[in-house]
């Protein structure tokens, strides 16, 4: 039921950010408070039994539900940011994209060593960014115990890329 509600709300934007891409715009979901509550309920239900110490939300759309999910789970939220956005001491991870390189950062005090971390983002595509986030978290002494996504683009095989990190992958609406 939640999958159908999410899919009915998502807007397809053709040729964004470049020709040939169909962008899945989740912003219409944000206009429906009941749907947002339903999404959080679905995440909490599907993550039952997972021991989570912190939720790490990937910039920027991973912040939209990541903070609320952390609050629902009663754990801290930490932002995984693009380079140059965090004001305190940071640890960085440079990773490859299909069109170049990107860098993500976490504050060095984002979590304690040994923390069990859930990585949250709005959309799972190729899995490159959440793989880099996983590597950064591991370098900082954390353990990735799962991933959560509002939407997954199965044809890009991101799930297969991140399954070796954790098989605990929640995708509420798949394409």
Protein backbone atom coordinates (compact mmCIF):
# COMPACT_ATOMS: atom_id res chain seq x y z
CA UNK A 1 0.00 0.00 0.00
CA UNK A 2 2.75 2.49 0.92
CA UNK A 3 4.56 1.69 -2.33
CA UNK A 4 1.51 2.62 -4.41
CA UNK A 5 1.01 5.86 -2.45
CA UNK A 6 4.65 6.83 -2.95
CA UNK A 7 4.59 6.02 -6.67
CA UNK A 8 1.36 7.99 -7.14
CA UNK A 9 3.04 11.06 -5.60
CA UNK A 10 6.40 10.95 -7.37
CA UNK A 11 6.79 13.25 -10.34
CA UNK A 12 8.92 12.18 -13.32
CA UNK A 13 11.06 14.98 -14.76
CA UNK A 14 12.38 14.07 -18.19
CA UNK A 15 15.89 15.10 -19.29
CA UNK A 16 16.97 16.26 -15.81
CA UNK A 17 19.74 16.82 -14.88
CA UNK A 18 20.83 15.90 -18.41
CA UNK A 19 19.22 14.53 -21.58
CA UNK A 20 18.06 10.92 -21.37
CA UNK A 21 17.62 10.90 -17.57
CA UNK A 22 14.18 10.58 -15.97
CA UNK A 23 14.51 12.19 -12.54
CA UNK A 24 12.26 10.82 -9.79
CA UNK A 25 11.15 13.96 -7.94
CA UNK A 26 10.04 13.11 -4.39
CA UNK A 27 9.17 16.68 -3.42
CA UNK A 28 5.41 16.18 -4.04
CA UNK A 29 5.49 13.59 -1.22
CA UNK A 30 6.49 16.35 1.18
CA UNK A 31 3.16 18.14 0.60
CA UNK A 32 1.28 15.16 2.09
CA UNK A 33 1.85 14.97 5.85
CA UNK A 34 -0.10 11.70 6.14
CA UNK A 35 2.03 10.07 3.45
CA UNK A 36 5.20 11.28 5.21
CA UNK A 37 3.95 9.73 8.45
CA UNK A 38 3.16 6.52 6.56
CA UNK A 39 6.68 6.44 5.13
CA UNK A 40 8.20 6.80 8.59
CA UNK A 41 5.86 4.10 9.96
CA UNK A 42 6.93 1.76 7.14
CA UNK A 43 10.62 2.36 7.80
CA UNK A 44 10.20 1.75 11.55
CA UNK A 45 8.22 -1.45 10.90
CA UNK A 46 10.72 -2.83 8.38
CA UNK A 47 13.70 -1.97 10.59
CA UNK A 48 12.23 -3.70 13.65
CA UNK A 49 14.84 -5.92 15.23
CA UNK A 50 17.77 -3.97 13.78
CA UNK A 51 20.01 -2.56 16.48
CA UNK A 52 20.71 1.02 15.40
CA UNK A 53 22.79 3.54 17.37
CA UNK A 54 22.74 6.36 14.82
CA UNK A 55 21.12 7.29 11.50
CA UNK A 56 23.44 8.83 8.90
CA UNK A 57 21.54 10.83 6.28
CA UNK A 58 23.18 11.48 2.91
CA UNK A 59 23.09 15.05 1.59
CA UNK A 60 20.75 16.45 0.80
CA UNK A 61 17.53 14.55 0.29
CA UNK A 62 18.63 11.94 2.82
CA UNK A 63 18.06 14.62 5.44
CA UNK A 64 14.33 14.87 4.62
CA UNK A 65 13.28 11.58 6.23
CA UNK A 66 16.60 10.71 7.92
CA UNK A 67 16.22 13.12 10.84
CA UNK A 68 12.58 12.17 11.44
CA UNK A 69 13.47 8.49 11.24
CA UNK A 70 16.25 8.95 13.79
CA UNK A 71 13.82 10.74 16.10
CA UNK A 72 11.28 7.92 15.70
CA UNK A 73 13.98 5.37 16.50
CA UNK A 74 15.20 7.44 19.46
CA UNK A 75 18.76 7.71 18.16
CA UNK A 76 21.02 10.57 16.97
CA UNK A 77 21.09 11.79 13.39
CA UNK A 78 24.34 12.69 11.63
CA UNK A 79 24.58 14.38 8.24
CA UNK A 80 26.85 12.95 5.56
CA UNK A 81 27.72 16.16 3.72
CA UNK A 82 29.36 17.22 0.50
CA UNK A 83 32.85 18.68 0.84
CA UNK A 84 33.19 22.04 2.54
CA UNK A 85 29.81 22.06 4.31
CA UNK A 86 30.74 20.93 7.82
CA UNK A 87 32.26 23.51 10.20
CA UNK A 88 34.09 21.24 12.66
CA UNK A 89 36.92 18.70 12.30
CA UNK A 90 36.03 16.27 9.50
CA UNK A 91 36.96 12.97 7.91
CA UNK A 92 36.58 12.81 4.11
CA UNK A 93 36.03 10.15 1.49
CA UNK A 94 36.70 10.79 -2.21
CA UNK A 95 34.85 8.47 -4.57
CA UNK A 96 34.26 8.01 -8.27
CA UNK A 97 31.10 8.97 -10.09
CA UNK A 98 30.19 8.13 -13.67
CA UNK A 99 31.12 11.71 -14.60
CA UNK A 100 34.06 12.45 -12.26
CA UNK A 101 34.79 12.49 -8.54
CA UNK A 102 32.90 13.59 -5.45
CA UNK A 103 33.81 13.99 -1.80
CA UNK A 104 31.69 13.37 1.27
CA UNK A 105 32.45 14.29 4.87
CA UNK A 106 31.44 13.48 8.43
CA UNK A 107 32.37 15.28 11.63
CA UNK A 108 35.05 13.33 13.46
CA UNK A 109 32.78 13.17 16.52
CA UNK A 110 29.67 12.08 14.57
CA UNK A 111 29.49 8.77 16.46
CA UNK A 112 31.48 6.64 18.86
CA UNK A 113 33.68 3.81 17.59
CA UNK A 114 31.64 0.62 17.44
CA UNK A 115 28.40 2.47 16.65
CA UNK A 116 25.82 0.60 14.59
CA UNK A 117 24.88 2.96 11.76
CA UNK A 118 21.86 2.98 9.47
CA UNK A 119 22.52 4.90 6.25
CA UNK A 120 19.48 6.70 4.85
CA UNK A 121 18.99 8.38 1.48
CA UNK A 122 15.94 9.23 -0.58
CA UNK A 123 16.88 7.15 -3.61
CA UNK A 124 19.05 4.13 -4.37
CA UNK A 125 20.46 4.33 -7.90
CA UNK A 126 23.95 2.92 -8.56
CA UNK A 127 24.85 2.76 -4.87
CA UNK A 128 28.06 4.75 -5.29
CA UNK A 129 27.40 7.45 -2.71
CA UNK A 130 26.13 5.11 0.00
CA UNK A 131 29.06 2.76 -0.65
CA UNK A 132 31.43 5.70 -0.10
CA UNK A 133 29.48 6.66 3.04
CA UNK A 134 29.81 3.05 4.25
CA UNK A 135 33.56 3.11 3.70
CA UNK A 136 33.87 6.42 5.55
CA UNK A 137 31.81 5.09 8.46
CA UNK A 138 33.97 1.96 8.63
CA UNK A 139 37.16 4.06 8.56
CA UNK A 140 35.77 5.96 11.56
CA UNK A 141 35.10 2.75 13.49
CA UNK A 142 31.39 2.36 12.83
CA UNK A 143 29.49 -0.62 11.48
CA UNK A 144 26.80 -0.22 8.82
CA UNK A 145 23.82 -2.30 9.96
CA UNK A 146 21.50 -1.36 7.11
CA UNK A 147 20.28 1.04 4.49
CA UNK A 148 16.91 2.72 3.99
CA UNK A 149 15.58 4.41 0.86
CA UNK A 150 12.22 5.85 -0.13
CA UNK A 151 12.78 4.85 -3.78
CA UNK A 152 15.00 2.31 -5.53
CA UNK A 153 15.87 2.17 -9.22
CA UNK A 154 16.43 -1.57 -9.57
CA UNK A 155 17.62 -1.40 -13.18
CA UNK A 156 20.79 0.43 -12.01
CA UNK A 157 21.79 -2.52 -9.76
CA UNK A 158 22.63 -0.43 -6.69
CA UNK A 159 21.17 -3.04 -4.35
CA UNK A 160 23.59 -5.66 -5.63
CA UNK A 161 26.49 -3.25 -5.05
CA UNK A 162 25.60 -2.57 -1.40
CA UNK A 163 24.43 -6.07 -0.36
CA UNK A 164 28.00 -7.12 0.56
CA UNK A 165 28.04 -4.23 3.07
CA UNK A 166 24.67 -5.13 4.59
CA UNK A 167 21.83 -7.26 3.31
CA UNK A 168 19.47 -5.21 5.49
CA UNK A 169 18.20 -2.92 2.71
CA UNK A 170 14.79 -1.24 2.97
CA UNK A 171 13.38 0.21 -0.25
CA UNK A 172 9.77 1.37 0.04
CA UNK A 173 9.05 1.91 -3.66
CA UNK A 174 10.94 0.13 -6.41
CA UNK A 175 11.16 0.95 -10.10
